[in-house]
Structures are given as structure tokens and as C-alpha cells.
Amino acid sequence: MLRFLADENFNNQIVRGVFRRNADVDMARVQDVSLSGADDPTVLEWAADQKRIVLTHDVATMTDFAYQRVKANLSMPGLFEISRRVPVGLAIEEILLLAECSLEGEWEGQVRFLPLR
């Protein structure tokens, strides 16, 4: 199962909903791992060290920093960007589907926008 890191401003309703549906999902929040206030490159580096895919709503800057890591041949386990306009229930379903149906390492170096459909 995939491992996730929810960015600092990621909707906690989504995080709680994922855990309500499947308590076994391995998801940490930036706040839980002492990264509150950290800049995007630091969050991405920590996620890479921990082999966690970052979940974010930040399409303005996080994407650029993720691509910079890929271009520099640094590990970037994946970045899933979810627009704040995506309904909470749909975001939960997408994360659960990805967590349960993806292989470890499958999203390495990729930035994807959810929902995938």
C-alpha cells in the first residue's frame, strides 16, 4: 500500500474521511511530523526520504519544486494535486483507490492531478 504525506494546507476533512473508510492507510500530515511552516522543497525532501507521496492543493508552487527534483535526478515518490473544487467524497475515493491499487514506486517522478478520470 502507498504511503502518503498530506501537505500543511491539505483539507483535513479528506484526511479524516480516508481514515474513517480505511484506518490502515499510511498517511501522515506535515503537522504530525514537525514540518509545520516548512517550505515546499523541505516537505518534498522529507517525503522522498520517507518514500511518501505528497498530497497537496498547492498547484502554484509545489508542482514546480517537484519537477525540479525530478530534473535534478532526486527521488520524488510522487505528487498528487487535488483542486479544492473537487468534492471531498470524490477526493477520498480517489486516494483510497490509489492506496489500494497502486504498486510501491509506481508514481515515482510523477505529478498527477486528481481525480484521474
C-alpha atoms as a PDB file:
ATOM      1  CA  MET A   1       0.000   0.000   0.000  1.00  0.00           C
ATOM      2  CA  LEU A   2       1.174   3.512  -0.776  1.00  0.00           C
ATOM      3  CA  ARG A   3       2.394   5.903   1.897  1.00  0.00           C
ATOM      4  CA  PHE A   4       1.180   9.497   1.855  1.00  0.00           C
ATOM      5  CA  LEU A   5       2.128  12.860   3.313  1.00  0.00           C
ATOM      6  CA  ALA A   6      -0.640  15.464   3.438  1.00  0.00           C
ATOM      7  CA  ASP A   7       0.683  18.973   2.866  1.00  0.00           C
ATOM      8  CA  GLU A   8       0.152  21.559   5.598  1.00  0.00           C
ATOM      9  CA  ASN A   9      -2.897  23.158   3.989  1.00  0.00           C
ATOM     10  CA  PHE A  10      -4.435  19.901   2.783  1.00  0.00           C
ATOM     11  CA  ASN A  11      -8.125  19.580   3.661  1.00  0.00           C
ATOM     12  CA  ASN A  12      -8.346  17.665   6.951  1.00  0.00           C
ATOM     13  CA  GLN A  13     -11.884  16.556   6.071  1.00  0.00           C
ATOM     14  CA  ILE A  14     -10.307  14.467   3.323  1.00  0.00           C
ATOM     15  CA  VAL A  15      -7.693  13.047   5.698  1.00  0.00           C
ATOM     16  CA  ARG A  16     -10.323  12.137   8.303  1.00  0.00           C
ATOM     17  CA  GLY A  17     -12.570  10.638   5.631  1.00  0.00           C
ATOM     18  CA  VAL A  18      -9.764   8.427   4.323  1.00  0.00           C
ATOM     19  CA  PHE A  19      -9.067   7.140   7.836  1.00  0.00           C
ATOM     20  CA  ARG A  20     -12.790   6.569   8.523  1.00  0.00           C
ATOM     21  CA  ARG A  21     -13.041   4.420   5.411  1.00  0.00           C
ATOM     22  CA  ASN A  22      -9.727   2.600   5.899  1.00  0.00           C
ATOM     23  CA  ALA A  23      -7.757   3.052   9.115  1.00  0.00           C
ATOM     24  CA  ASP A  24      -4.848   1.104   7.596  1.00  0.00           C
ATOM     25  CA  VAL A  25      -3.949   3.795   5.061  1.00  0.00           C
ATOM     26  CA  ASP A  26      -0.478   5.088   5.868  1.00  0.00           C
ATOM     27  CA  MET A  27      -0.961   8.836   5.803  1.00  0.00           C
ATOM     28  CA  ALA A  28       0.937  11.401   7.842  1.00  0.00           C
ATOM     29  CA  ARG A  29       0.276  15.117   7.948  1.00  0.00           C
ATOM     30  CA  VAL A  30       3.036  17.714   7.743  1.00  0.00           C
ATOM     31  CA  GLN A  31       1.869  18.926  11.161  1.00  0.00           C
ATOM     32  CA  ASP A  32       2.358  15.433  12.643  1.00  0.00           C
ATOM     33  CA  VAL A  33       5.987  15.120  11.535  1.00  0.00           C
ATOM     34  CA  SER A  34       7.251  18.501  12.781  1.00  0.00           C
ATOM     35  CA  LEU A  35       7.282  20.140   9.342  1.00  0.00           C
ATOM     36  CA  SER A  36       4.728  22.876  10.048  1.00  0.00           C
ATOM     37  CA  GLY A  37       5.823  26.034   8.280  1.00  0.00           C
ATOM     38  CA  ALA A  38       8.456  24.207   6.212  1.00  0.00           C
ATOM     39  CA  ASP A  39       8.922  25.312   2.621  1.00  0.00           C
ATOM     40  CA  ASP A  40       7.924  23.097  -0.301  1.00  0.00           C
ATOM     41  CA  PRO A  41      11.445  21.808  -1.095  1.00  0.00           C
ATOM     42  CA  THR A  42      11.853  20.687   2.531  1.00  0.00           C
ATOM     43  CA  VAL A  43       8.484  18.900   2.504  1.00  0.00           C
ATOM     44  CA  LEU A  44       9.337  17.160  -0.772  1.00  0.00           C
ATOM     45  CA  GLU A  45      12.761  16.129   0.526  1.00  0.00           C
ATOM     46  CA  TRP A  46      11.290  14.675   3.724  1.00  0.00           C
ATOM     47  CA  ALA A  47       8.630  12.834   1.696  1.00  0.00           C
ATOM     48  CA  ALA A  48      11.314  11.412  -0.595  1.00  0.00           C
ATOM     49  CA  ASP A  49      13.408  10.251   2.367  1.00  0.00           C
ATOM     50  CA  GLN A  50      10.336   8.532   3.816  1.00  0.00           C
ATOM     51  CA  LYS A  51       9.091   7.228   0.433  1.00  0.00           C
ATOM     52  CA  ARG A  52       5.794   9.081   0.790  1.00  0.00           C
ATOM     53  CA  ILE A  53       3.644  10.561  -1.959  1.00  0.00           C
ATOM     54  CA  VAL A  54       2.672  14.149  -1.235  1.00  0.00           C
ATOM     55  CA  LEU A  55      -0.988  15.159  -1.303  1.00  0.00           C
ATOM     56  CA  THR A  56      -1.498  18.871  -1.884  1.00  0.00           C
ATOM     57  CA  HIS A  57      -3.878  21.559  -3.042  1.00  0.00           C
ATOM     58  CA  ASP A  58      -0.919  23.833  -3.887  1.00  0.00           C
ATOM     59  CA  VAL A  59      -0.804  23.918  -7.672  1.00  0.00           C
ATOM     60  CA  ALA A  60       1.058  27.241  -7.657  1.00  0.00           C
ATOM     61  CA  THR A  61       4.464  26.217  -6.291  1.00  0.00           C
ATOM     62  CA  MET A  62       4.606  22.578  -5.180  1.00  0.00           C
ATOM     63  CA  THR A  63       4.459  21.312  -8.771  1.00  0.00           C
ATOM     64  CA  ASP A  64       7.463  23.367  -9.845  1.00  0.00           C
ATOM     65  CA  PHE A  65       9.562  22.151  -6.927  1.00  0.00           C
ATOM     66  CA  ALA A  66       8.550  18.536  -7.622  1.00  0.00           C
ATOM     67  CA  TYR A  67       9.632  18.844 -11.258  1.00  0.00           C
ATOM     68  CA  GLN A  68      12.904  20.447 -10.137  1.00  0.00           C
ATOM     69  CA  ARG A  69      13.619  17.348  -8.025  1.00  0.00           C
ATOM     70  CA  VAL A  70      12.897  15.080 -10.991  1.00  0.00           C
ATOM     71  CA  LYS A  71      15.092  17.159 -13.296  1.00  0.00           C
ATOM     72  CA  ALA A  72      17.936  17.008 -10.746  1.00  0.00           C
ATOM     73  CA  ASN A  73      17.593  13.187 -10.610  1.00  0.00           C
ATOM     74  CA  LEU A  74      16.486  13.341  -6.976  1.00  0.00           C
ATOM     75  CA  SER A  75      13.910  10.961  -5.595  1.00  0.00           C
ATOM     76  CA  MET A  76      10.329  12.201  -5.838  1.00  0.00           C
ATOM     77  CA  PRO A  77       7.932   9.363  -4.928  1.00  0.00           C
ATOM     78  CA  GLY A  78       5.007  11.240  -6.446  1.00  0.00           C
ATOM     79  CA  LEU A  79       2.813  14.279  -6.047  1.00  0.00           C
ATOM     80  CA  PHE A  80      -0.979  14.182  -6.210  1.00  0.00           C
ATOM     81  CA  GLU A  81      -2.578  17.577  -6.647  1.00  0.00           C
ATOM     82  CA  ILE A  82      -6.233  17.833  -5.733  1.00  0.00           C
ATOM     83  CA  SER A  83      -8.119  21.008  -6.574  1.00  0.00           C
ATOM     84  CA  ARG A  84     -10.093  22.480  -3.697  1.00  0.00           C
ATOM     85  CA  ARG A  85     -13.083  22.348  -6.073  1.00  0.00           C
ATOM     86  CA  VAL A  86     -13.042  18.532  -6.092  1.00  0.00           C
ATOM     87  CA  PRO A  87     -15.804  17.271  -3.793  1.00  0.00           C
ATOM     88  CA  VAL A  88     -14.446  15.820  -0.537  1.00  0.00           C
ATOM     89  CA  GLY A  89     -16.111  12.453  -1.143  1.00  0.00           C
ATOM     90  CA  LEU A  90     -14.553  12.119  -4.596  1.00  0.00           C
ATOM     91  CA  ALA A  91     -11.112  13.051  -3.246  1.00  0.00           C
ATOM     92  CA  ILE A  92     -11.445  10.375  -0.556  1.00  0.00           C
ATOM     93  CA  GLU A  93     -12.460   7.756  -3.118  1.00  0.00           C
ATOM     94  CA  GLU A  94      -9.527   8.614  -5.389  1.00  0.00           C
ATOM     95  CA  ILE A  95      -6.974   8.419  -2.569  1.00  0.00           C
ATOM     96  CA  LEU A  96      -8.366   5.101  -1.355  1.00  0.00           C
ATOM     97  CA  LEU A  97      -8.351   3.680  -4.870  1.00  0.00           C
ATOM     98  CA  LEU A  98      -4.749   4.750  -5.394  1.00  0.00           C
ATOM     99  CA  ALA A  99      -3.690   3.452  -1.978  1.00  0.00           C
ATOM    100  CA  GLU A 100      -5.213   0.043  -2.562  1.00  0.00           C
ATOM    101  CA  CYS A 101      -4.495  -0.492  -6.247  1.00  0.00           C
ATOM    102  CA  SER A 102      -1.068   1.058  -6.814  1.00  0.00           C
ATOM    103  CA  LEU A 103       2.275  -0.632  -6.578  1.00  0.00           C
ATOM    104  CA  GLU A 104       5.089   0.761  -4.484  1.00  0.00           C
ATOM    105  CA  GLY A 105       7.227   3.028  -6.652  1.00  0.00           C
ATOM    106  CA  GLU A 106       4.606   3.251  -9.390  1.00  0.00           C
ATOM    107  CA  TRP A 107       4.263   7.032  -9.102  1.00  0.00           C
ATOM    108  CA  GLU A 108       7.997   7.839  -8.794  1.00  0.00           C
ATOM    109  CA  GLY A 109       8.807  11.098 -10.561  1.00  0.00           C
ATOM    110  CA  GLN A 110       5.191  11.816 -11.464  1.00  0.00           C
ATOM    111  CA  VAL A 111       2.890  14.731 -10.758  1.00  0.00           C
ATOM    112  CA  ARG A 112      -0.763  13.820 -11.182  1.00  0.00           C
ATOM    113  CA  PHE A 113      -3.948  15.791 -10.805  1.00  0.00           C
ATOM    114  CA  LEU A 114      -6.877  14.102  -9.094  1.00  0.00           C
ATOM    115  CA  PRO A 115      -9.359  12.905  -9.982  1.00  0.00           C
ATOM    116  CA  LEU A 116      -7.560  10.822 -12.584  1.00  0.00           C
ATOM    117  CA  ARG A 117     -10.695  10.448 -14.704  1.00  0.00           C
END
